[in-house]
């Protein structure tokens, strides 16, 4: 059977293109990531946030991860707005603050 004839091929291919861009393949650095082989649930569950952050802290490719994920997350407004999970040692709310910094009301008045 040709792999392209598999019923899930089109959906899987579309997902891979969305996640990884025109190549449709994950970047090579992911093999060396501390999270390689870990259950992704670890990074999206509130009671395991500290464990996920600890895993990221010792990751040899944390900078590549941060750069890659920031590029992916900032491609669309909805991804930026709904940043979720622990990625590259940051939580979704921390990344959200980076994408949408809160302005100090005093600073806003002074700027006007």
PDB file of N, CA and C in Angstrom:
ATOM      1  N   UNK A   1       0.850  -1.190   0.000  1.00  0.00           N
ATOM      2  CA  UNK A   1       0.000   0.000   0.000  1.00  0.00           C
ATOM      3  C   UNK A   1       0.893   1.251   0.000  1.00  0.00           C
ATOM      4  N   UNK A   2       0.599   2.146  -0.870  1.00  0.00           N
ATOM      5  CA  UNK A   2       1.307   3.420  -0.948  1.00  0.00           C
ATOM      6  C   UNK A   2       0.956   4.243   0.302  1.00  0.00           C
ATOM      7  N   UNK A   3       1.967   4.783   1.019  1.00  0.00           N
ATOM      8  CA  UNK A   3       1.659   5.565   2.230  1.00  0.00           C
ATOM      9  C   UNK A   3       0.742   6.756   1.954  1.00  0.00           C
ATOM     10  N   UNK A   4       0.779   7.281   0.751  1.00  0.00           N
ATOM     11  CA  UNK A   4      -0.083   8.425   0.411  1.00  0.00           C
ATOM     12  C   UNK A   4      -1.546   8.019   0.301  1.00  0.00           C
ATOM     13  N   UNK A   5      -1.797   6.703   0.157  1.00  0.00           N
ATOM     14  CA  UNK A   5      -3.173   6.214   0.067  1.00  0.00           C
ATOM     15  C   UNK A   5      -3.798   5.980   1.443  1.00  0.00           C
ATOM     16  N   UNK A   6      -3.007   6.074   2.493  1.00  0.00           N
ATOM     17  CA  UNK A   6      -3.527   5.862   3.841  1.00  0.00           C
ATOM     18  C   UNK A   6      -4.564   6.937   4.144  1.00  0.00           C
ATOM     19  N   UNK A   7      -5.700   6.568   4.742  1.00  0.00           N
ATOM     20  CA  UNK A   7      -6.766   7.551   5.000  1.00  0.00           C
ATOM     21  C   UNK A   7      -6.335   8.754   5.838  1.00  0.00           C
ATOM     22  N   UNK A   8      -5.361   8.588   6.699  1.00  0.00           N
ATOM     23  CA  UNK A   8      -4.939   9.703   7.542  1.00  0.00           C
ATOM     24  C   UNK A   8      -3.815  10.535   6.959  1.00  0.00           C
ATOM     25  N   UNK A   9      -3.325  10.170   5.775  1.00  0.00           N
ATOM     26  CA  UNK A   9      -2.158  10.853   5.214  1.00  0.00           C
ATOM     27  C   UNK A   9      -2.387  12.349   5.026  1.00  0.00           C
ATOM     28  N   UNK A  10      -3.478  12.722   4.400  1.00  0.00           N
ATOM     29  CA  UNK A  10      -3.723  14.135   4.086  1.00  0.00           C
ATOM     30  C   UNK A  10      -3.802  14.960   5.368  1.00  0.00           C
ATOM     31  N   UNK A  11      -4.514  14.464   6.358  1.00  0.00           N
ATOM     32  CA  UNK A  11      -4.622  15.186   7.627  1.00  0.00           C
ATOM     33  C   UNK A  11      -3.284  15.297   8.340  1.00  0.00           C
ATOM     34  N   UNK A  12      -2.542  14.193   8.357  1.00  0.00           N
ATOM     35  CA  UNK A  12      -1.223  14.206   8.995  1.00  0.00           C
ATOM     36  C   UNK A  12      -0.289  15.155   8.273  1.00  0.00           C
ATOM     37  N   UNK A  13      -0.307  15.111   6.951  1.00  0.00           N
ATOM     38  CA  UNK A  13       0.562  15.995   6.159  1.00  0.00           C
ATOM     39  C   UNK A  13       0.207  17.463   6.418  1.00  0.00           C
ATOM     40  N   UNK A  14      -1.078  17.780   6.465  1.00  0.00           N
ATOM     41  CA  UNK A  14      -1.511  19.158   6.728  1.00  0.00           C
ATOM     42  C   UNK A  14      -1.034  19.609   8.110  1.00  0.00           C
ATOM     43  N   UNK A  15      -1.140  18.724   9.096  1.00  0.00           N
ATOM     44  CA  UNK A  15      -0.682  19.053  10.446  1.00  0.00           C
ATOM     45  C   UNK A  15       0.826  19.292  10.461  1.00  0.00           C
ATOM     46  N   UNK A  16       1.580  18.424   9.809  1.00  0.00           N
ATOM     47  CA  UNK A  16       3.039  18.568   9.775  1.00  0.00           C
ATOM     48  C   UNK A  16       3.448  19.869   9.083  1.00  0.00           C
ATOM     49  N   UNK A  17       2.765  20.239   8.020  1.00  0.00           N
ATOM     50  CA  UNK A  17       3.067  21.503   7.334  1.00  0.00           C
ATOM     51  C   UNK A  17       2.740  22.698   8.225  1.00  0.00           C
ATOM     52  N   UNK A  18       1.640  22.603   8.960  1.00  0.00           N
ATOM     53  CA  UNK A  18       1.260  23.682   9.871  1.00  0.00           C
ATOM     54  C   UNK A  18       2.276  23.822  11.004  1.00  0.00           C
ATOM     55  N   UNK A  19       2.680  22.703  11.557  1.00  0.00           N
ATOM     56  CA  UNK A  19       3.612  22.738  12.686  1.00  0.00           C
ATOM     57  C   UNK A  19       5.035  23.096  12.290  1.00  0.00           C
ATOM     58  N   UNK A  20       5.493  22.551  11.144  1.00  0.00           N
ATOM     59  CA  UNK A  20       6.909  22.660  10.813  1.00  0.00           C
ATOM     60  C   UNK A  20       7.215  23.439   9.541  1.00  0.00           C
ATOM     61  N   UNK A  21       6.225  24.099   8.972  1.00  0.00           N
ATOM     62  CA  UNK A  21       6.483  24.925   7.795  1.00  0.00           C
ATOM     63  C   UNK A  21       6.590  24.116   6.513  1.00  0.00           C
ATOM     64  N   UNK A  22       7.137  24.721   5.463  1.00  0.00           N
ATOM     65  CA  UNK A  22       7.139  24.116   4.130  1.00  0.00           C
ATOM     66  C   UNK A  22       7.793  22.734   4.046  1.00  0.00           C
ATOM     67  N   UNK A  23       8.771  22.455   4.885  1.00  0.00           N
ATOM     68  CA  UNK A  23       9.432  21.143   4.819  1.00  0.00           C
ATOM     69  C   UNK A  23       8.529  20.039   5.360  1.00  0.00           C
ATOM     70  N   UNK A  24       7.674  20.380   6.305  1.00  0.00           N
ATOM     71  CA  UNK A  24       6.790  19.384   6.903  1.00  0.00           C
ATOM     72  C   UNK A  24       7.511  18.398   7.809  1.00  0.00           C
ATOM     73  N   UNK A  25       8.760  18.678   8.128  1.00  0.00           N
ATOM     74  CA  UNK A  25       9.518  17.782   9.004  1.00  0.00           C
ATOM     75  C   UNK A  25      10.057  18.561  10.207  1.00  0.00           C
ATOM     76  N   UNK A  26      10.106  17.908  11.357  1.00  0.00           N
ATOM     77  CA  UNK A  26      10.626  18.590  12.545  1.00  0.00           C
ATOM     78  C   UNK A  26      12.103  18.931  12.383  1.00  0.00           C
ATOM     79  N   UNK A  27      12.555  20.020  12.994  1.00  0.00           N
ATOM     80  CA  UNK A  27      13.972  20.376  12.926  1.00  0.00           C
ATOM     81  C   UNK A  27      14.840  19.296  13.592  1.00  0.00           C
ATOM     82  N   UNK A  28      16.049  19.126  13.093  1.00  0.00           N
ATOM     83  CA  UNK A  28      16.961  18.081  13.581  1.00  0.00           C
ATOM     84  C   UNK A  28      17.309  18.243  15.060  1.00  0.00           C
ATOM     85  N   UNK A  29      17.336  19.472  15.569  1.00  0.00           N
ATOM     86  CA  UNK A  29      17.724  19.685  16.963  1.00  0.00           C
ATOM     87  C   UNK A  29      16.783  19.005  17.945  1.00  0.00           C
ATOM     88  N   UNK A  30      15.569  18.716  17.531  1.00  0.00           N
ATOM     89  CA  UNK A  30      14.579  18.128  18.443  1.00  0.00           C
ATOM     90  C   UNK A  30      15.009  16.771  18.999  1.00  0.00           C
ATOM     91  N   UNK A  31      15.852  16.066  18.260  1.00  0.00           N
ATOM     92  CA  UNK A  31      16.336  14.761  18.719  1.00  0.00           C
ATOM     93  C   UNK A  31      17.141  14.907  20.010  1.00  0.00           C
ATOM     94  N   UNK A  32      17.843  16.034  20.152  1.00  0.00           N
ATOM     95  CA  UNK A  32      18.692  16.270  21.322  1.00  0.00           C
ATOM     96  C   UNK A  32      17.963  16.944  22.481  1.00  0.00           C
ATOM     97  N   UNK A  33      16.704  17.270  22.305  1.00  0.00           N
ATOM     98  CA  UNK A  33      15.948  17.979  23.344  1.00  0.00           C
ATOM     99  C   UNK A  33      15.756  17.097  24.576  1.00  0.00           C
ATOM    100  N   UNK A  34      15.809  17.703  25.738  1.00  0.00           N
ATOM    101  CA  UNK A  34      15.607  16.977  26.997  1.00  0.00           C
ATOM    102  C   UNK A  34      14.211  16.357  27.055  1.00  0.00           C
ATOM    103  N   UNK A  35      13.272  16.931  26.335  1.00  0.00           N
ATOM    104  CA  UNK A  35      11.893  16.448  26.359  1.00  0.00           C
ATOM    105  C   UNK A  35      11.615  15.369  25.310  1.00  0.00           C
ATOM    106  N   UNK A  36      12.598  15.052  24.476  1.00  0.00           N
ATOM    107  CA  UNK A  36      12.392  14.034  23.439  1.00  0.00           C
ATOM    108  C   UNK A  36      11.945  12.729  24.099  1.00  0.00           C
ATOM    109  N   UNK A  37      10.835  12.221  23.659  1.00  0.00           N
ATOM    110  CA  UNK A  37      10.311  10.974  24.204  1.00  0.00           C
ATOM    111  C   UNK A  37       9.428  11.141  25.429  1.00  0.00           C
ATOM    112  N   UNK A  38       9.346  12.350  25.959  1.00  0.00           N
ATOM    113  CA  UNK A  38       8.479  12.597  27.128  1.00  0.00           C
ATOM    114  C   UNK A  38       7.022  12.699  26.678  1.00  0.00           C
ATOM    115  N   UNK A  39       6.118  12.377  27.570  1.00  0.00           N
ATOM    116  CA  UNK A  39       4.689  12.533  27.307  1.00  0.00           C
ATOM    117  C   UNK A  39       4.376  14.028  27.257  1.00  0.00           C
ATOM    118  N   UNK A  40       3.766  14.487  26.179  1.00  0.00           N
ATOM    119  CA  UNK A  40       3.484  15.919  26.026  1.00  0.00           C
ATOM    120  C   UNK A  40       2.535  16.446  27.099  1.00  0.00           C
ATOM    121  N   UNK A  41       1.782  15.560  27.719  1.00  0.00           N
ATOM    122  CA  UNK A  41       0.861  15.969  28.785  1.00  0.00           C
ATOM    123  C   UNK A  41       1.612  16.672  29.923  1.00  0.00           C
ATOM    124  N   UNK A  42       2.861  16.289  30.130  1.00  0.00           N
ATOM    125  CA  UNK A  42       3.701  16.902  31.162  1.00  0.00           C
ATOM    126  C   UNK A  42       3.783  18.417  30.991  1.00  0.00           C
ATOM    127  N   UNK A  43       3.755  18.883  29.756  1.00  0.00           N
ATOM    128  CA  UNK A  43       3.955  20.300  29.455  1.00  0.00           C
ATOM    129  C   UNK A  43       2.655  21.103  29.390  1.00  0.00           C
ATOM    130  N   UNK A  44       1.526  20.421  29.525  1.00  0.00           N
ATOM    131  CA  UNK A  44       0.245  21.106  29.402  1.00  0.00           C
ATOM    132  C   UNK A  44      -0.682  20.868  30.583  1.00  0.00           C
ATOM    133  N   UNK A  45      -0.145  20.374  31.693  1.00  0.00           N
ATOM    134  CA  UNK A  45      -0.937  20.117  32.887  1.00  0.00           C
ATOM    135  C   UNK A  45      -0.439  21.022  34.006  1.00  0.00           C
ATOM    136  N   UNK A  46      -1.339  21.746  34.632  1.00  0.00           N
ATOM    137  CA  UNK A  46      -0.947  22.714  35.664  1.00  0.00           C
ATOM    138  C   UNK A  46      -0.143  22.105  36.805  1.00  0.00           C
ATOM    139  N   UNK A  47      -0.501  20.893  37.245  1.00  0.00           N
ATOM    140  CA  UNK A  47       0.212  20.340  38.391  1.00  0.00           C
ATOM    141  C   UNK A  47       1.577  19.751  38.031  1.00  0.00           C
ATOM    142  N   UNK A  48       1.976  19.778  36.761  1.00  0.00           N
ATOM    143  CA  UNK A  48       3.312  19.300  36.380  1.00  0.00           C
ATOM    144  C   UNK A  48       4.176  20.423  35.796  1.00  0.00           C
ATOM    145  N   UNK A  49       3.738  21.661  35.948  1.00  0.00           N
ATOM    146  CA  UNK A  49       4.481  22.801  35.396  1.00  0.00           C
ATOM    147  C   UNK A  49       5.904  22.861  35.939  1.00  0.00           C
ATOM    148  N   UNK A  50       6.072  22.702  37.251  1.00  0.00           N
ATOM    149  CA  UNK A  50       7.419  22.763  37.840  1.00  0.00           C
ATOM    150  C   UNK A  50       8.320  21.659  37.296  1.00  0.00           C
ATOM    151  N   UNK A  51       7.756  20.477  37.121  1.00  0.00           N
ATOM    152  CA  UNK A  51       8.525  19.355  36.579  1.00  0.00           C
ATOM    153  C   UNK A  51       8.946  19.651  35.134  1.00  0.00           C
ATOM    154  N   UNK A  52       8.043  20.212  34.350  1.00  0.00           N
ATOM    155  CA  UNK A  52       8.351  20.561  32.957  1.00  0.00           C
ATOM    156  C   UNK A  52       9.418  21.654  32.895  1.00  0.00           C
ATOM    157  N   UNK A  53       9.284  22.667  33.741  1.00  0.00           N
ATOM    158  CA  UNK A  53      10.276  23.749  33.775  1.00  0.00           C
ATOM    159  C   UNK A  53      11.654  23.219  34.168  1.00  0.00           C
ATOM    160  N   UNK A  54      11.682  22.276  35.096  1.00  0.00           N
ATOM    161  CA  UNK A  54      12.940  21.673  35.526  1.00  0.00           C
ATOM    162  C   UNK A  54      13.593  20.891  34.384  1.00  0.00           C
ATOM    163  N   UNK A  55      12.793  20.174  33.632  1.00  0.00           N
ATOM    164  CA  UNK A  55      13.305  19.429  32.480  1.00  0.00           C
ATOM    165  C   UNK A  55      13.887  20.391  31.446  1.00  0.00           C
ATOM    166  N   UNK A  56      13.178  21.472  31.175  1.00  0.00           N
ATOM    167  CA  UNK A  56      13.657  22.476  30.211  1.00  0.00           C
ATOM    168  C   UNK A  56      14.961  23.130  30.678  1.00  0.00           C
ATOM    169  N   UNK A  57      15.085  23.343  31.979  1.00  0.00           N
ATOM    170  CA  UNK A  57      16.258  24.045  32.516  1.00  0.00           C
ATOM    171  C   UNK A  57      17.563  23.345  32.162  1.00  0.00           C
ATOM    172  N   UNK A  58      17.538  22.032  32.057  1.00  0.00           N
ATOM    173  CA  UNK A  58      18.750  21.292  31.731  1.00  0.00           C
ATOM    174  C   UNK A  58      18.860  20.907  30.268  1.00  0.00           C
ATOM    175  N   UNK A  59      18.039  21.485  29.433  1.00  0.00           N
ATOM    176  CA  UNK A  59      17.997  21.098  28.019  1.00  0.00           C
ATOM    177  C   UNK A  59      19.157  21.711  27.229  1.00  0.00           C
ATOM    178  N   UNK A  60      19.870  20.894  26.447  1.00  0.00           N
ATOM    179  CA  UNK A  60      20.999  21.411  25.671  1.00  0.00           C
ATOM    180  C   UNK A  60      20.590  22.242  24.453  1.00  0.00           C
ATOM    181  N   UNK A  61      19.322  22.170  24.071  1.00  0.00           N
ATOM    182  CA  UNK A  61      18.882  22.904  22.873  1.00  0.00           C
ATOM    183  C   UNK A  61      17.791  23.922  23.199  1.00  0.00           C
ATOM    184  N   UNK A  62      17.801  24.442  24.428  1.00  0.00           N
ATOM    185  CA  UNK A  62      16.735  25.344  24.868  1.00  0.00           C
ATOM    186  C   UNK A  62      16.637  26.600  23.991  1.00  0.00           C
ATOM    187  N   UNK A  63      17.763  27.134  23.546  1.00  0.00           N
ATOM    188  CA  UNK A  63      17.723  28.349  22.716  1.00  0.00           C
ATOM    189  C   UNK A  63      17.105  28.067  21.349  1.00  0.00           C
ATOM    190  N   UNK A  64      17.460  26.935  20.735  1.00  0.00           N
ATOM    191  CA  UNK A  64      16.860  26.575  19.448  1.00  0.00           C
ATOM    192  C   UNK A  64      15.360  26.352  19.617  1.00  0.00           C
ATOM    193  N   UNK A  65      14.987  25.724  20.721  1.00  0.00           N
ATOM    194  CA  UNK A  65      13.580  25.477  21.019  1.00  0.00           C
ATOM    195  C   UNK A  65      12.827  26.793  21.153  1.00  0.00           C
ATOM    196  N   UNK A  66      13.399  27.715  21.929  1.00  0.00           N
ATOM    197  CA  UNK A  66      12.752  29.015  22.148  1.00  0.00           C
ATOM    198  C   UNK A  66      12.591  29.775  20.829  1.00  0.00           C
ATOM    199  N   UNK A  67      13.644  29.807  20.029  1.00  0.00           N
ATOM    200  CA  UNK A  67      13.604  30.514  18.745  1.00  0.00           C
ATOM    201  C   UNK A  67      12.567  29.900  17.818  1.00  0.00           C
ATOM    202  N   UNK A  68      12.586  28.576  17.712  1.00  0.00           N
ATOM    203  CA  UNK A  68      11.664  27.872  16.824  1.00  0.00           C
ATOM    204  C   UNK A  68      10.217  28.051  17.269  1.00  0.00           C
ATOM    205  N   UNK A  69       9.970  27.879  18.564  1.00  0.00           N
ATOM    206  CA  UNK A  69       8.597  27.977  19.052  1.00  0.00           C
ATOM    207  C   UNK A  69       8.069  29.408  18.987  1.00  0.00           C
ATOM    208  N   UNK A  70       8.908  30.375  19.281  1.00  0.00           N
ATOM    209  CA  UNK A  70       8.486  31.777  19.182  1.00  0.00           C
ATOM    210  C   UNK A  70       8.106  32.101  17.743  1.00  0.00           C
ATOM    211  N   UNK A  71       8.901  31.636  16.795  1.00  0.00           N
ATOM    212  CA  UNK A  71       8.575  31.860  15.379  1.00  0.00           C
ATOM    213  C   UNK A  71       7.235  31.218  15.034  1.00  0.00           C
ATOM    214  N   UNK A  72       6.999  30.010  15.529  1.00  0.00           N
ATOM    215  CA  UNK A  72       5.745  29.319  15.233  1.00  0.00           C
ATOM    216  C   UNK A  72       4.568  30.024  15.909  1.00  0.00           C
ATOM    217  N   UNK A  73       4.747  30.370  17.170  1.00  0.00           N
ATOM    218  CA  UNK A  73       3.648  30.952  17.941  1.00  0.00           C
ATOM    219  C   UNK A  73       3.292  32.357  17.463  1.00  0.00           C
ATOM    220  N   UNK A  74       4.229  33.079  16.890  1.00  0.00           N
ATOM    221  CA  UNK A  74       3.944  34.452  16.467  1.00  0.00           C
ATOM    222  C   UNK A  74       3.491  34.553  15.013  1.00  0.00           C
ATOM    223  N   UNK A  75       3.368  33.428  14.332  1.00  0.00           N
ATOM    224  CA  UNK A  75       2.871  33.477  12.946  1.00  0.00           C
ATOM    225  C   UNK A  75       1.422  33.940  12.863  1.00  0.00           C
ATOM    226  N   UNK A  76       0.640  33.633  13.875  1.00  0.00           N
ATOM    227  CA  UNK A  76      -0.759  34.065  13.863  1.00  0.00           C
ATOM    228  C   UNK A  76      -1.125  34.666  15.212  1.00  0.00           C
ATOM    229  N   UNK A  77      -2.061  35.577  15.185  1.00  0.00           N
ATOM    230  CA  UNK A  77      -2.491  36.248  16.413  1.00  0.00           C
ATOM    231  C   UNK A  77      -3.095  35.262  17.410  1.00  0.00           C
ATOM    232  N   UNK A  78      -3.871  34.292  16.917  1.00  0.00           N
ATOM    233  CA  UNK A  78      -4.518  33.358  17.840  1.00  0.00           C
ATOM    234  C   UNK A  78      -3.497  32.509  18.587  1.00  0.00           C
ATOM    235  N   UNK A  79      -2.401  32.125  17.936  1.00  0.00           N
ATOM    236  CA  UNK A  79      -1.367  31.356  18.632  1.00  0.00           C
ATOM    237  C   UNK A  79      -0.694  32.208  19.699  1.00  0.00           C
ATOM    238  N   UNK A  80      -0.440  33.475  19.381  1.00  0.00           N
ATOM    239  CA  UNK A  80       0.168  34.369  20.374  1.00  0.00           C
ATOM    240  C   UNK A  80      -0.779  34.581  21.543  1.00  0.00           C
ATOM    241  N   UNK A  81      -2.040  34.836  21.225  1.00  0.00           N
ATOM    242  CA  UNK A  81      -3.016  35.174  22.252  1.00  0.00           C
ATOM    243  C   UNK A  81      -3.280  33.999  23.186  1.00  0.00           C
ATOM    244  N   UNK A  82      -3.278  32.797  22.633  1.00  0.00           N
ATOM    245  CA  UNK A  82      -3.577  31.608  23.430  1.00  0.00           C
ATOM    246  C   UNK A  82      -2.329  30.768  23.689  1.00  0.00           C
ATOM    247  N   UNK A  83      -1.205  31.414  23.945  1.00  0.00           N
ATOM    248  CA  UNK A  83       0.031  30.682  24.251  1.00  0.00           C
ATOM    249  C   UNK A  83      -0.243  29.742  25.420  1.00  0.00           C
ATOM    250  N   UNK A  84       0.111  28.483  25.246  1.00  0.00           N
ATOM    251  CA  UNK A  84      -0.199  27.495  26.279  1.00  0.00           C
ATOM    252  C   UNK A  84       0.964  26.544  26.487  1.00  0.00           C
ATOM    253  N   UNK A  85       1.020  25.996  27.672  1.00  0.00           N
ATOM    254  CA  UNK A  85       2.010  24.980  27.976  1.00  0.00           C
ATOM    255  C   UNK A  85       3.384  25.543  28.287  1.00  0.00           C
ATOM    256  N   UNK A  86       4.248  24.649  28.729  1.00  0.00           N
ATOM    257  CA  UNK A  86       5.640  25.002  29.003  1.00  0.00           C
ATOM    258  C   UNK A  86       6.452  24.702  27.755  1.00  0.00           C
ATOM    259  N   UNK A  87       7.164  25.705  27.269  1.00  0.00           N
ATOM    260  CA  UNK A  87       8.025  25.550  26.094  1.00  0.00           C
ATOM    261  C   UNK A  87       9.306  26.326  26.353  1.00  0.00           C
ATOM    262  N   UNK A  88      10.435  25.680  26.149  1.00  0.00           N
ATOM    263  CA  UNK A  88      11.742  26.339  26.281  1.00  0.00           C
ATOM    264  C   UNK A  88      11.890  27.056  27.625  1.00  0.00           C
ATOM    265  N   UNK A  89      11.376  26.443  28.665  1.00  0.00           N
ATOM    266  CA  UNK A  89      11.522  27.007  29.998  1.00  0.00           C
ATOM    267  C   UNK A  89      10.620  28.183  30.297  1.00  0.00           C
ATOM    268  N   UNK A  90       9.593  28.380  29.495  1.00  0.00           N
ATOM    269  CA  UNK A  90       8.639  29.466  29.745  1.00  0.00           C
ATOM    270  C   UNK A  90       7.222  28.914  29.759  1.00  0.00           C
ATOM    271  N   UNK A  91       6.370  29.521  30.563  1.00  0.00           N
ATOM    272  CA  UNK A  91       4.964  29.127  30.598  1.00  0.00           C
ATOM    273  C   UNK A  91       4.195  29.926  29.549  1.00  0.00           C
ATOM    274  N   UNK A  92       2.995  29.486  29.252  1.00  0.00           N
ATOM    275  CA  UNK A  92       2.163  30.208  28.299  1.00  0.00           C
ATOM    276  C   UNK A  92       1.906  31.635  28.732  1.00  0.00           C
ATOM    277  N   UNK A  93       1.658  31.842  30.027  1.00  0.00           N
ATOM    278  CA  UNK A  93       1.391  33.210  30.494  1.00  0.00           C
ATOM    279  C   UNK A  93       2.642  34.083  30.398  1.00  0.00           C
ATOM    280  N   UNK A  94       3.826  33.500  30.615  1.00  0.00           N
ATOM    281  CA  UNK A  94       5.061  34.278  30.459  1.00  0.00           C
ATOM    282  C   UNK A  94       5.272  34.686  29.000  1.00  0.00           C
ATOM    283  N   UNK A  95       5.008  33.758  28.079  1.00  0.00           N
ATOM    284  CA  UNK A  95       5.151  34.101  26.658  1.00  0.00           C
ATOM    285  C   UNK A  95       4.094  35.116  26.246  1.00  0.00           C
ATOM    286  N   UNK A  96       2.899  34.987  26.805  1.00  0.00           N
ATOM    287  CA  UNK A  96       1.835  35.943  26.506  1.00  0.00           C
ATOM    288  C   UNK A  96       2.243  37.348  26.935  1.00  0.00           C
ATOM    289  N   UNK A  97       2.900  37.476  28.091  1.00  0.00           N
ATOM    290  CA  UNK A  97       3.369  38.788  28.558  1.00  0.00           C
ATOM    291  C   UNK A  97       4.431  39.355  27.619  1.00  0.00           C
ATOM    292  N   UNK A  98       5.215  38.483  27.009  1.00  0.00           N
ATOM    293  CA  UNK A  98       6.220  38.932  26.044  1.00  0.00           C
ATOM    294  C   UNK A  98       5.546  39.447  24.778  1.00  0.00           C
ATOM    295  N   UNK A  99       4.532  38.720  24.308  1.00  0.00           N
ATOM    296  CA  UNK A  99       3.842  39.110  23.073  1.00  0.00           C
ATOM    297  C   UNK A  99       2.943  40.322  23.278  1.00  0.00           C
ATOM    298  N   UNK A 100       2.341  40.416  24.454  1.00  0.00           N
ATOM    299  CA  UNK A 100       1.406  41.506  24.761  1.00  0.00           C
ATOM    300  C   UNK A 100       1.792  42.166  26.083  1.00  0.00           C
ATOM    301  N   UNK A 101       2.877  42.930  26.107  1.00  0.00           N
ATOM    302  CA  UNK A 101       3.299  43.543  27.373  1.00  0.00           C
ATOM    303  C   UNK A 101       2.242  44.512  27.892  1.00  0.00           C
ATOM    304  N   UNK A 102       2.046  44.465  29.183  1.00  0.00           N
ATOM    305  CA  UNK A 102       1.092  45.400  29.806  1.00  0.00           C
ATOM    306  C   UNK A 102       1.782  46.739  29.974  1.00  0.00           C
ATOM    307  N   UNK A 103       1.061  47.780  29.645  1.00  0.00           N
ATOM    308  CA  UNK A 103       1.610  49.122  29.765  1.00  0.00           C
ATOM    309  C   UNK A 103       1.230  49.694  31.119  1.00  0.00           C
ATOM    310  N   UNK A 104       2.174  50.300  31.772  1.00  0.00           N
ATOM    311  CA  UNK A 104       1.927  50.964  33.041  1.00  0.00           C
ATOM    312  C   UNK A 104       1.027  52.172  32.761  1.00  0.00           C
ATOM    313  N   UNK A 105      -0.124  52.307  33.447  1.00  0.00           N
ATOM    314  CA  UNK A 105      -1.033  53.433  33.183  1.00  0.00           C
ATOM    315  C   UNK A 105      -0.347  54.795  33.279  1.00  0.00           C
ATOM    316  N   UNK A 106       0.606  54.943  34.189  1.00  0.00           N
ATOM    317  CA  UNK A 106       1.321  56.213  34.329  1.00  0.00           C
ATOM    318  C   UNK A 106       2.134  56.495  33.076  1.00  0.00           C
ATOM    319  N   UNK A 107       2.805  55.474  32.576  1.00  0.00           N
ATOM    320  CA  UNK A 107       3.616  55.619  31.365  1.00  0.00           C
ATOM    321  C   UNK A 107       2.732  55.984  30.178  1.00  0.00           C
ATOM    322  N   UNK A 108       1.565  55.381  30.103  1.00  0.00           N
ATOM    323  CA  UNK A 108       0.652  55.649  28.999  1.00  0.00           C
ATOM    324  C   UNK A 108       0.226  57.122  29.006  1.00  0.00           C
ATOM    325  N   UNK A 109      -0.084  57.680  30.185  1.00  0.00           N
ATOM    326  CA  UNK A 109      -0.498  59.079  30.276  1.00  0.00           C
ATOM    327  C   UNK A 109       0.650  60.005  29.890  1.00  0.00           C
ATOM    328  N   UNK A 110       1.854  59.658  30.337  1.00  0.00           N
ATOM    329  CA  UNK A 110       3.018  60.489  30.024  1.00  0.00           C
ATOM    330  C   UNK A 110       3.319  60.483  28.531  1.00  0.00           C
ATOM    331  N   UNK A 111       3.047  59.356  27.875  1.00  0.00           N
ATOM    332  CA  UNK A 111       3.333  59.244  26.441  1.00  0.00           C
ATOM    333  C   UNK A 111       2.346  60.061  25.613  1.00  0.00           C
ATOM    334  N   UNK A 112       1.169  60.316  26.150  1.00  0.00           N
ATOM    335  CA  UNK A 112       0.128  61.029  25.392  1.00  0.00           C
ATOM    336  C   UNK A 112       0.342  62.496  25.298  1.00  0.00           C
TER     337      UNK A 112
END
